[in-house]
Amino acid sequence: MSAKQAAKKQPVLEVSGLVKRFGEHTVLSDVGFEVRAGRAAVLVGPNGSGKTTVLRCVTGADPADEGEVSIGGEPYDDRSPSIRSAMAVVMDDIDFFPDLTVVEHLDLYARAHRVPNADALVDDVLREVGLFAQAAQLPGSLSSGQRRRLALAGAFVRPRRLLILDEPEQRLDEEGLEWLITRLQREKREGLAILFASHSPRLVEALADDVIALGGAS
């Protein structure tokens, strides 16, 4: 088997034996799953079941107490350029630079990752997410739904093999939700792996290949 063939068989994301405690309270216990290229896995469960905690542990935002996370067969290390370039992450606690406009945010993301034809890509993504008319505005002047679209746009203007999203449907209207489904289906067709947490039955039904139930959810 060639190295290229082996890479195709290797899951993009592997999580095994994940444990996370806060004081004496164990939030995650022996959580394990994998996500392969072109597939989407969804974390479901009631509030407080640990969905966001899983995502924060996977992305290195919070250290796990036990367990292993690997990206493309490489143990997670946020100092690794290959790891950093593999993941695009949209969490609910994203901060924007208050003095950068919408287009300046996306241009910064694209150029920081040395994306070819950054100007054209940023324009295309702005049109797709419905923020082209707001390109010169500051994030603080946007509605909550527009800020969510800007956060998602930031993931679409950078390289990625793995897309990690925490309840991406939040603050999107029905039209926005349908756009998001179409966009994420396209990401899967293009071979990306997606891990997301969601409370939206519509999003789960349309996208999920694998369901990871936490906290007794079915």
C-alpha atoms as a PDB file:
ATOM      1  CA  MET A   1       0.000   0.000   0.000  1.00  0.00           C
ATOM      2  CA  SER A   2       1.383   3.423  -0.950  1.00  0.00           C
ATOM      3  CA  ALA A   3       1.653   6.279   1.522  1.00  0.00           C
ATOM      4  CA  LYS A   4      -1.114   8.079  -0.384  1.00  0.00           C
ATOM      5  CA  GLN A   5      -3.445   5.068  -0.137  1.00  0.00           C
ATOM      6  CA  ALA A   6      -2.661   4.669   3.558  1.00  0.00           C
ATOM      7  CA  ALA A   7      -3.489   8.329   4.145  1.00  0.00           C
ATOM      8  CA  LYS A   8      -6.898   7.851   2.519  1.00  0.00           C
ATOM      9  CA  LYS A   9      -7.665   4.945   4.847  1.00  0.00           C
ATOM     10  CA  GLN A  10      -6.507   6.866   7.926  1.00  0.00           C
ATOM     11  CA  PRO A  11      -9.333   8.660   9.776  1.00  0.00           C
ATOM     12  CA  VAL A  12      -8.950  12.431   9.716  1.00  0.00           C
ATOM     13  CA  LEU A  13      -9.838  12.566  13.430  1.00  0.00           C
ATOM     14  CA  GLU A  14      -9.455   9.852  16.053  1.00  0.00           C
ATOM     15  CA  VAL A  15     -10.536  10.262  19.672  1.00  0.00           C
ATOM     16  CA  SER A  16     -10.075   7.505  22.237  1.00  0.00           C
ATOM     17  CA  GLY A  17     -10.616   7.185  25.980  1.00  0.00           C
ATOM     18  CA  LEU A  18     -11.447  10.855  26.467  1.00  0.00           C
ATOM     19  CA  VAL A  19     -12.038  11.800  30.117  1.00  0.00           C
ATOM     20  CA  LYS A  20     -12.681  15.296  31.447  1.00  0.00           C
ATOM     21  CA  ARG A  21     -13.338  16.242  35.039  1.00  0.00           C
ATOM     22  CA  PHE A  22     -14.224  19.526  36.655  1.00  0.00           C
ATOM     23  CA  GLY A  23     -13.348  19.087  40.309  1.00  0.00           C
ATOM     24  CA  GLU A  24     -15.073  15.922  41.467  1.00  0.00           C
ATOM     25  CA  HIS A  25     -17.573  15.994  38.612  1.00  0.00           C
ATOM     26  CA  THR A  26     -16.747  13.791  35.604  1.00  0.00           C
ATOM     27  CA  VAL A  27     -18.213  15.392  32.488  1.00  0.00           C
ATOM     28  CA  LEU A  28     -16.760  12.962  29.940  1.00  0.00           C
ATOM     29  CA  SER A  29     -15.964   9.328  30.567  1.00  0.00           C
ATOM     30  CA  ASP A  30     -14.180   7.128  28.016  1.00  0.00           C
ATOM     31  CA  VAL A  31     -15.486   8.981  24.948  1.00  0.00           C
ATOM     32  CA  GLY A  32     -14.165   7.612  21.674  1.00  0.00           C
ATOM     33  CA  PHE A  33     -15.011   7.999  17.980  1.00  0.00           C
ATOM     34  CA  GLU A  34     -13.464   8.716  14.593  1.00  0.00           C
ATOM     35  CA  VAL A  35     -14.351  10.921  11.639  1.00  0.00           C
ATOM     36  CA  ARG A  36     -13.244  10.041   8.120  1.00  0.00           C
ATOM     37  CA  ALA A  37     -12.892  12.203   5.044  1.00  0.00           C
ATOM     38  CA  GLY A  38     -16.220  13.014   3.421  1.00  0.00           C
ATOM     39  CA  ARG A  39     -18.221  12.142   6.525  1.00  0.00           C
ATOM     40  CA  ALA A  40     -19.879  14.110   9.308  1.00  0.00           C
ATOM     41  CA  ALA A  41     -20.209  13.063  12.935  1.00  0.00           C
ATOM     42  CA  VAL A  42     -22.594  14.872  15.258  1.00  0.00           C
ATOM     43  CA  LEU A  43     -22.532  15.124  19.045  1.00  0.00           C
ATOM     44  CA  VAL A  44     -26.034  15.070  20.505  1.00  0.00           C
ATOM     45  CA  GLY A  45     -27.375  15.179  24.025  1.00  0.00           C
ATOM     46  CA  PRO A  46     -29.107  17.450  26.520  1.00  0.00           C
ATOM     47  CA  ASN A  47     -27.595  20.677  27.769  1.00  0.00           C
ATOM     48  CA  GLY A  48     -24.765  19.875  30.145  1.00  0.00           C
ATOM     49  CA  SER A  49     -24.033  16.477  28.588  1.00  0.00           C
ATOM     50  CA  GLY A  50     -20.553  17.529  27.476  1.00  0.00           C
ATOM     51  CA  LYS A  51     -20.901  18.283  23.758  1.00  0.00           C
ATOM     52  CA  THR A  52     -18.982  21.540  23.878  1.00  0.00           C
ATOM     53  CA  THR A  53     -16.459  20.009  26.273  1.00  0.00           C
ATOM     54  CA  VAL A  54     -15.682  17.289  23.726  1.00  0.00           C
ATOM     55  CA  LEU A  55     -15.098  19.926  21.060  1.00  0.00           C
ATOM     56  CA  ARG A  56     -12.904  22.003  23.364  1.00  0.00           C
ATOM     57  CA  CYS A  57     -10.816  18.957  24.231  1.00  0.00           C
ATOM     58  CA  VAL A  58     -10.504  17.933  20.584  1.00  0.00           C
ATOM     59  CA  THR A  59      -9.357  21.426  19.572  1.00  0.00           C
ATOM     60  CA  GLY A  60      -7.006  21.816  22.527  1.00  0.00           C
ATOM     61  CA  ALA A  61      -8.949  24.689  24.066  1.00  0.00           C
ATOM     62  CA  ASP A  62      -9.323  22.584  27.236  1.00  0.00           C
ATOM     63  CA  PRO A  63      -6.897  19.824  28.244  1.00  0.00           C
ATOM     64  CA  ALA A  64      -8.412  16.366  28.670  1.00  0.00           C
ATOM     65  CA  ASP A  65      -7.607  14.533  31.902  1.00  0.00           C
ATOM     66  CA  GLU A  66      -7.200  11.262  30.017  1.00  0.00           C
ATOM     67  CA  GLY A  67      -7.394  10.047  26.438  1.00  0.00           C
ATOM     68  CA  GLU A  68      -5.854  10.701  23.071  1.00  0.00           C
ATOM     69  CA  VAL A  69      -6.731  12.899  20.096  1.00  0.00           C
ATOM     70  CA  SER A  70      -5.003  12.554  16.727  1.00  0.00           C
ATOM     71  CA  ILE A  71      -5.423  14.390  13.440  1.00  0.00           C
ATOM     72  CA  GLY A  72      -4.463  12.403  10.351  1.00  0.00           C
ATOM     73  CA  GLY A  73      -2.666   9.906  12.551  1.00  0.00           C
ATOM     74  CA  GLU A  74      -0.594  12.610  14.274  1.00  0.00           C
ATOM     75  CA  PRO A  75      -1.101  13.136  18.046  1.00  0.00           C
ATOM     76  CA  TYR A  76      -2.703  16.507  18.645  1.00  0.00           C
ATOM     77  CA  ASP A  77      -0.184  19.274  19.279  1.00  0.00           C
ATOM     78  CA  ASP A  78      -1.213  22.869  18.705  1.00  0.00           C
ATOM     79  CA  ARG A  79       2.429  23.728  17.964  1.00  0.00           C
ATOM     80  CA  SER A  80       2.368  21.495  14.883  1.00  0.00           C
ATOM     81  CA  PRO A  81       1.919  23.445  11.616  1.00  0.00           C
ATOM     82  CA  SER A  82       0.235  20.426   9.998  1.00  0.00           C
ATOM     83  CA  ILE A  83      -2.286  20.198  12.841  1.00  0.00           C
ATOM     84  CA  ARG A  84      -3.023  23.927  12.789  1.00  0.00           C
ATOM     85  CA  SER A  85      -3.527  23.916   9.039  1.00  0.00           C
ATOM     86  CA  ALA A  86      -5.813  20.873   9.159  1.00  0.00           C
ATOM     87  CA  MET A  87      -8.539  22.283  11.403  1.00  0.00           C
ATOM     88  CA  ALA A  88     -11.048  25.067  10.938  1.00  0.00           C
ATOM     89  CA  VAL A  89     -13.003  25.676  14.138  1.00  0.00           C
ATOM     90  CA  VAL A  90     -16.130  27.707  14.881  1.00  0.00           C
ATOM     91  CA  MET A  91     -17.087  27.751  18.557  1.00  0.00           C
ATOM     92  CA  ASP A  92     -19.730  29.897  20.215  1.00  0.00           C
ATOM     93  CA  ASP A  93     -17.173  32.004  22.116  1.00  0.00           C
ATOM     94  CA  ILE A  94     -15.453  33.413  19.037  1.00  0.00           C
ATOM     95  CA  ASP A  95     -14.076  36.927  19.433  1.00  0.00           C
ATOM     96  CA  PHE A  96     -13.772  39.434  16.623  1.00  0.00           C
ATOM     97  CA  PHE A  97     -11.294  42.267  16.363  1.00  0.00           C
ATOM     98  CA  PRO A  98     -13.483  45.309  17.125  1.00  0.00           C
ATOM     99  CA  ASP A  99     -11.557  47.637  14.803  1.00  0.00           C
ATOM    100  CA  LEU A 100     -11.417  45.367  11.749  1.00  0.00           C
ATOM    101  CA  THR A 101     -14.219  45.389   9.207  1.00  0.00           C
ATOM    102  CA  VAL A 102     -15.938  42.240   7.980  1.00  0.00           C
ATOM    103  CA  VAL A 103     -13.789  42.042   4.848  1.00  0.00           C
ATOM    104  CA  GLU A 104     -10.618  42.822   6.804  1.00  0.00           C
ATOM    105  CA  HIS A 105     -11.331  39.896   9.140  1.00  0.00           C
ATOM    106  CA  LEU A 106     -11.686  37.451   6.285  1.00  0.00           C
ATOM    107  CA  ASP A 107      -8.731  38.880   4.405  1.00  0.00           C
ATOM    108  CA  LEU A 108      -6.589  38.477   7.531  1.00  0.00           C
ATOM    109  CA  TYR A 109      -7.639  34.831   7.959  1.00  0.00           C
ATOM    110  CA  ALA A 110      -6.998  34.004   4.308  1.00  0.00           C
ATOM    111  CA  ARG A 111      -3.610  35.713   4.107  1.00  0.00           C
ATOM    112  CA  ALA A 112      -2.450  34.314   7.450  1.00  0.00           C
ATOM    113  CA  HIS A 113      -2.908  30.862   5.917  1.00  0.00           C
ATOM    114  CA  ARG A 114      -1.322  31.917   2.608  1.00  0.00           C
ATOM    115  CA  VAL A 115      -4.423  31.100   0.587  1.00  0.00           C
ATOM    116  CA  PRO A 116      -3.918  31.596  -3.163  1.00  0.00           C
ATOM    117  CA  ASN A 117      -6.119  34.277  -4.764  1.00  0.00           C
ATOM    118  CA  ALA A 118      -7.229  35.476  -1.324  1.00  0.00           C
ATOM    119  CA  ASP A 119      -9.110  38.531  -2.626  1.00  0.00           C
ATOM    120  CA  ALA A 120     -11.282  36.478  -4.985  1.00  0.00           C
ATOM    121  CA  LEU A 121     -11.968  33.824  -2.359  1.00  0.00           C
ATOM    122  CA  VAL A 122     -12.965  36.392   0.265  1.00  0.00           C
ATOM    123  CA  ASP A 123     -15.347  38.079  -2.187  1.00  0.00           C
ATOM    124  CA  ASP A 124     -16.914  34.741  -3.115  1.00  0.00           C
ATOM    125  CA  VAL A 125     -17.424  33.754   0.524  1.00  0.00           C
ATOM    126  CA  LEU A 126     -18.848  37.172   1.421  1.00  0.00           C
ATOM    127  CA  ARG A 127     -21.449  36.778  -1.318  1.00  0.00           C
ATOM    128  CA  GLU A 128     -22.241  33.215  -0.282  1.00  0.00           C
ATOM    129  CA  VAL A 129     -22.822  34.047   3.392  1.00  0.00           C
ATOM    130  CA  GLY A 130     -24.852  37.131   2.507  1.00  0.00           C
ATOM    131  CA  LEU A 131     -22.449  39.703   3.945  1.00  0.00           C
ATOM    132  CA  PHE A 132     -21.149  41.379   0.787  1.00  0.00           C
ATOM    133  CA  ALA A 133     -23.204  44.511   1.499  1.00  0.00           C
ATOM    134  CA  GLN A 134     -21.816  44.567   5.055  1.00  0.00           C
ATOM    135  CA  ALA A 135     -18.163  44.138   3.997  1.00  0.00           C
ATOM    136  CA  ALA A 136     -17.136  47.580   5.284  1.00  0.00           C
ATOM    137  CA  GLN A 137     -18.988  47.291   8.600  1.00  0.00           C
ATOM    138  CA  LEU A 138     -17.438  46.497  11.978  1.00  0.00           C
ATOM    139  CA  PRO A 139     -18.537  43.281  13.724  1.00  0.00           C
ATOM    140  CA  GLY A 140     -20.221  45.249  16.506  1.00  0.00           C
ATOM    141  CA  SER A 141     -22.663  46.747  14.010  1.00  0.00           C
ATOM    142  CA  LEU A 142     -23.859  43.338  12.770  1.00  0.00           C
ATOM    143  CA  SER A 143     -26.894  41.425  13.985  1.00  0.00           C
ATOM    144  CA  SER A 144     -26.297  38.229  15.956  1.00  0.00           C
ATOM    145  CA  GLY A 145     -27.185  36.149  12.895  1.00  0.00           C
ATOM    146  CA  GLN A 146     -24.762  38.122  10.716  1.00  0.00           C
ATOM    147  CA  ARG A 147     -21.996  37.657  13.276  1.00  0.00           C
ATOM    148  CA  ARG A 148     -22.639  33.916  13.161  1.00  0.00           C
ATOM    149  CA  ARG A 149     -22.329  33.997   9.374  1.00  0.00           C
ATOM    150  CA  LEU A 150     -19.068  35.939   9.715  1.00  0.00           C
ATOM    151  CA  ALA A 151     -17.701  33.306  12.109  1.00  0.00           C
ATOM    152  CA  LEU A 152     -18.595  30.553   9.647  1.00  0.00           C
ATOM    153  CA  ALA A 153     -17.133  32.551   6.759  1.00  0.00           C
ATOM    154  CA  GLY A 154     -13.842  32.663   8.642  1.00  0.00           C
ATOM    155  CA  ALA A 155     -13.675  28.865   8.426  1.00  0.00           C
ATOM    156  CA  PHE A 156     -14.439  28.848   4.702  1.00  0.00           C
ATOM    157  CA  VAL A 157     -11.584  31.176   3.686  1.00  0.00           C
ATOM    158  CA  ARG A 158      -8.797  29.031   5.142  1.00  0.00           C
ATOM    159  CA  PRO A 159      -7.327  25.596   4.363  1.00  0.00           C
ATOM    160  CA  ARG A 160      -8.955  22.712   6.202  1.00  0.00           C
ATOM    161  CA  ARG A 161      -9.289  18.955   6.289  1.00  0.00           C
ATOM    162  CA  LEU A 162     -11.441  18.909   9.410  1.00  0.00           C
ATOM    163  CA  LEU A 163     -14.273  21.317  10.199  1.00  0.00           C
ATOM    164  CA  ILE A 164     -15.347  21.554  13.854  1.00  0.00           C
ATOM    165  CA  LEU A 165     -18.552  23.434  14.661  1.00  0.00           C
ATOM    166  CA  ASP A 166     -20.348  24.053  17.951  1.00  0.00           C
ATOM    167  CA  GLU A 167     -24.103  24.367  17.298  1.00  0.00           C
ATOM    168  CA  PRO A 168     -23.567  26.186  13.979  1.00  0.00           C
ATOM    169  CA  GLU A 169     -27.322  26.636  13.574  1.00  0.00           C
ATOM    170  CA  GLN A 170     -27.473  29.082  16.476  1.00  0.00           C
ATOM    171  CA  ARG A 171     -28.966  32.468  15.559  1.00  0.00           C
ATOM    172  CA  LEU A 172     -29.564  31.449  11.942  1.00  0.00           C
ATOM    173  CA  ASP A 173     -33.076  31.818  10.511  1.00  0.00           C
ATOM    174  CA  GLU A 174     -34.663  29.126   8.345  1.00  0.00           C
ATOM    175  CA  GLU A 175     -33.082  30.503   5.190  1.00  0.00           C
ATOM    176  CA  GLY A 176     -29.722  30.573   6.945  1.00  0.00           C
ATOM    177  CA  LEU A 177     -30.131  27.006   8.134  1.00  0.00           C
ATOM    178  CA  GLU A 178     -30.873  25.779   4.617  1.00  0.00           C
ATOM    179  CA  TRP A 179     -27.820  27.651   3.319  1.00  0.00           C
ATOM    180  CA  LEU A 180     -25.686  26.041   6.046  1.00  0.00           C
ATOM    181  CA  ILE A 181     -26.924  22.546   5.167  1.00  0.00           C
ATOM    182  CA  THR A 182     -26.137  23.097   1.480  1.00  0.00           C
ATOM    183  CA  ARG A 183     -22.674  24.435   2.284  1.00  0.00           C
ATOM    184  CA  LEU A 184     -21.780  21.584   4.656  1.00  0.00           C
ATOM    185  CA  GLN A 185     -23.039  18.977   2.196  1.00  0.00           C
ATOM    186  CA  ARG A 186     -20.653  20.540  -0.313  1.00  0.00           C
ATOM    187  CA  GLU A 187     -17.814  20.343   2.230  1.00  0.00           C
ATOM    188  CA  LYS A 188     -18.483  16.601   2.582  1.00  0.00           C
ATOM    189  CA  ARG A 189     -18.557  16.082  -1.191  1.00  0.00           C
ATOM    190  CA  GLU A 190     -15.180  17.813  -1.398  1.00  0.00           C
ATOM    191  CA  GLY A 191     -13.755  15.296   1.067  1.00  0.00           C
ATOM    192  CA  LEU A 192     -13.740  17.223   4.306  1.00  0.00           C
ATOM    193  CA  ALA A 193     -14.396  15.594   7.655  1.00  0.00           C
ATOM    194  CA  ILE A 194     -16.911  17.401   9.873  1.00  0.00           C
ATOM    195  CA  LEU A 195     -17.478  17.136  13.618  1.00  0.00           C
ATOM    196  CA  PHE A 196     -20.294  19.224  15.019  1.00  0.00           C
ATOM    197  CA  ALA A 197     -22.581  19.536  18.009  1.00  0.00           C
ATOM    198  CA  SER A 198     -26.210  20.385  17.362  1.00  0.00           C
ATOM    199  CA  HIS A 199     -29.708  20.605  18.781  1.00  0.00           C
ATOM    200  CA  SER A 200     -31.243  20.909  15.299  1.00  0.00           C
ATOM    201  CA  PRO A 201     -33.036  17.755  14.088  1.00  0.00           C
ATOM    202  CA  ARG A 202     -33.030  19.206  10.552  1.00  0.00           C
ATOM    203  CA  LEU A 203     -29.260  19.693  10.549  1.00  0.00           C
ATOM    204  CA  VAL A 204     -28.611  16.260  12.041  1.00  0.00           C
ATOM    205  CA  GLU A 205     -30.910  14.502   9.575  1.00  0.00           C
ATOM    206  CA  ALA A 206     -29.405  16.280   6.576  1.00  0.00           C
ATOM    207  CA  LEU A 207     -25.735  15.885   7.452  1.00  0.00           C
ATOM    208  CA  ALA A 208     -24.867  13.281  10.059  1.00  0.00           C
ATOM    209  CA  ASP A 209     -23.302   9.998   8.987  1.00  0.00           C
ATOM    210  CA  ASP A 210     -22.488   9.080  12.590  1.00  0.00           C
ATOM    211  CA  VAL A 211     -24.261  10.139  15.790  1.00  0.00           C
ATOM    212  CA  ILE A 212     -22.360  10.295  19.084  1.00  0.00           C
ATOM    213  CA  ALA A 213     -24.844  10.400  21.954  1.00  0.00           C
ATOM    214  CA  LEU A 214     -23.733  11.921  25.240  1.00  0.00           C
ATOM    215  CA  GLY A 215     -25.482  12.069  28.590  1.00  0.00           C
ATOM    216  CA  GLY A 216     -27.920   9.268  27.855  1.00  0.00           C
ATOM    217  CA  ALA A 217     -29.277  10.823  24.644  1.00  0.00           C
ATOM    218  CA  SER A 218     -30.659   8.422  22.073  1.00  0.00           C
END
